[in-house]
Protein backbone atom coordinates (compact mmCIF):
# COMPACT_ATOMS: atom_id res chain seq x y z
CA MET A 1 20.73 2.19 12.86
CA PRO A 2 23.58 2.03 15.53
CA THR A 3 25.02 -0.72 17.86
CA ASP A 4 24.05 -0.91 21.50
CA ALA A 5 28.22 -0.55 21.46
CA GLU A 6 28.17 2.37 19.35
CA ARG A 7 24.44 3.95 21.40
CA ALA A 8 26.42 3.26 24.57
CA GLU A 9 29.41 5.28 23.55
CA ALA A 10 27.46 8.18 21.76
CA LEU A 11 25.64 9.05 25.05
CA ARG A 12 28.89 10.09 26.37
CA ASN A 13 27.81 13.64 24.23
CA ILE A 14 24.98 13.66 26.40
CA PRO A 15 25.60 15.84 28.88
CA LEU A 16 22.81 14.05 30.70
CA PHE A 17 24.80 10.92 30.73
CA ALA A 18 28.69 12.14 30.42
CA GLY A 19 29.68 11.81 33.66
CA LEU A 20 29.02 8.01 33.12
CA GLY A 21 31.58 5.11 32.70
CA PRO A 22 31.13 2.26 29.99
CA ALA A 23 29.16 -0.05 32.13
CA ALA A 24 26.43 2.45 33.14
CA ARG A 25 26.34 3.49 29.14
CA GLU A 26 25.23 0.10 28.42
CA GLY A 27 22.81 -0.41 31.17
CA ILE A 28 21.37 2.55 30.12
CA VAL A 29 21.15 0.78 26.44
CA ARG A 30 19.88 -2.71 28.01
CA ILE A 31 17.12 -1.16 29.75
CA ALA A 32 15.60 1.57 27.52
CA GLY A 33 13.27 1.46 23.94
CA GLU A 34 13.73 2.57 20.82
CA LEU A 35 11.19 4.44 18.75
CA GLN A 36 11.93 5.26 15.25
CA ALA A 37 9.66 8.35 14.87
CA SER A 38 8.70 9.76 11.05
CA ALA A 39 8.58 13.35 10.28
CA GLY A 40 5.19 15.20 11.90
CA GLN A 41 4.80 12.35 13.57
CA VAL A 42 3.06 12.73 17.45
CA LEU A 43 5.15 11.75 19.81
CA VAL A 44 3.25 13.10 23.42
CA GLN A 45 0.13 14.56 23.27
CA PRO A 46 -0.91 17.88 26.35
CA LYS A 47 -3.26 16.30 29.12
CA THR A 48 -2.57 12.31 29.06
CA ALA A 49 -0.75 10.86 31.40
CA GLY A 50 3.46 10.37 31.00
CA SER A 51 5.05 7.62 31.68
CA GLY A 52 9.00 8.88 30.85
CA LEU A 53 11.61 9.75 29.71
CA PHE A 54 13.00 10.44 25.49
CA VAL A 55 16.63 11.56 24.61
CA VAL A 56 17.14 11.47 21.21
CA GLU A 57 19.23 10.52 19.08
CA GLU A 58 19.39 11.35 15.61
CA GLY A 59 16.76 13.74 13.58
CA THR A 60 14.46 16.85 15.60
CA VAL A 61 11.59 16.89 17.06
CA VAL A 62 10.10 19.66 17.79
CA VAL A 63 8.62 21.75 21.41
CA GLU A 64 4.77 23.07 21.65
CA ARG A 65 3.72 24.79 24.45
CA VAL A 66 1.38 27.21 24.43
CA GLY A 67 1.98 31.06 22.34
CA ARG A 68 5.43 28.86 21.57
CA GLU A 69 7.27 26.54 20.49
CA PHE A 70 11.49 25.38 20.44
CA GLU A 71 13.38 22.45 18.93
CA LEU A 72 15.37 19.58 20.03
CA GLY A 73 17.93 17.69 18.14
CA PRO A 74 20.13 14.68 18.84
CA GLY A 75 21.77 14.93 23.35
CA GLN A 76 18.56 16.60 24.35
CA PHE A 77 15.58 14.76 25.75
CA PHE A 78 11.75 15.40 27.20
CA GLY A 79 9.99 14.15 29.61
CA GLU A 80 11.21 14.22 32.63
CA LEU A 81 8.54 15.74 34.12
CA ALA A 82 7.26 11.85 34.23
CA LEU A 83 9.84 10.39 35.70
CA LEU A 84 9.41 12.73 38.99
CA THR A 85 5.81 13.10 39.12
CA ASP A 86 1.81 12.03 38.06
CA THR A 87 2.13 15.72 36.20
CA PRO A 88 -0.01 14.77 32.87
CA ARG A 89 2.28 15.66 29.83
CA THR A 90 1.88 19.60 29.43
CA ALA A 91 3.92 19.99 25.73
CA ARG A 92 2.82 18.71 22.71
CA VAL A 93 5.95 17.01 20.77
CA ARG A 94 6.41 15.79 18.04
CA ALA A 95 9.19 14.69 15.02
CA ARG A 96 9.92 17.91 12.55
CA THR A 97 12.17 15.28 10.70
CA ASP A 98 12.77 12.11 10.91
CA ALA A 99 14.06 10.58 13.81
CA LEU A 100 15.68 8.24 16.40
CA LEU A 101 14.28 8.40 19.90
CA LEU A 102 15.47 6.44 23.15
CA ALA A 103 13.06 5.86 25.92
CA ILE A 104 13.38 5.29 29.18
CA SER A 105 10.00 3.80 31.09
CA ARG A 106 9.33 5.41 34.55
CA GLU A 107 10.82 2.59 36.40
CA GLU A 108 13.36 1.10 34.80
CA PHE A 109 14.57 4.67 35.15
CA GLY A 110 13.95 5.00 38.88
CA LYS A 111 16.98 2.11 38.81
CA LEU A 112 18.81 4.32 36.84
CA LEU A 113 19.06 6.34 39.69
CA GLU A 114 19.87 4.52 42.70
CA ALA A 115 22.47 2.75 40.98
CA GLU A 116 24.06 6.52 38.88
CA PRO A 117 22.40 9.41 41.05
CA ARG A 118 24.45 11.47 39.22
CA ILE A 119 22.30 11.50 36.39
CA ALA A 120 19.82 13.50 38.65
CA LEU A 121 22.26 16.50 38.61
CA GLY A 122 22.78 16.64 34.89
CA MET A 123 18.61 16.38 35.34
CA LEU A 124 18.76 18.74 37.18
CA ALA A 125 21.09 21.33 34.89
CA VAL A 126 18.61 21.76 32.25
CA LEU A 127 15.24 21.27 34.41
CA ALA A 128 16.50 25.33 35.58
CA ARG A 129 16.79 26.39 32.82
CA ARG A 130 14.00 25.05 31.22
CA LEU A 131 12.23 26.55 34.63
CA ALA A 132 14.41 30.32 33.67
CA ASP A 133 12.99 30.13 30.91
């Protein structure tokens, strides 16, 4: 299990957080929860209320939507719509392998955006690609 310092340093490799300084990354580690998931464990169900964003630190997860699925690995994230709207979850997400994830609540993410608005730019790029797909 990585230390907080190692987790903060690892955030540098995640496009969403790459432009942030060390203090901001350390702040993210402080506000984020950590979730360990076993292979096959369901993390998100469609049509349920979303509460925040998940960032894959280790392992892989699979996002299952009607008629398609895709895999996310270290550095990738899901659940971002829950940060922006009260819209119910739109996909099922389950751990394909054992996985370690950061979990950031809507409330904490709002505070983070106020302190580090550059995060929104990284998120917008990913959202645009997902919408285009």
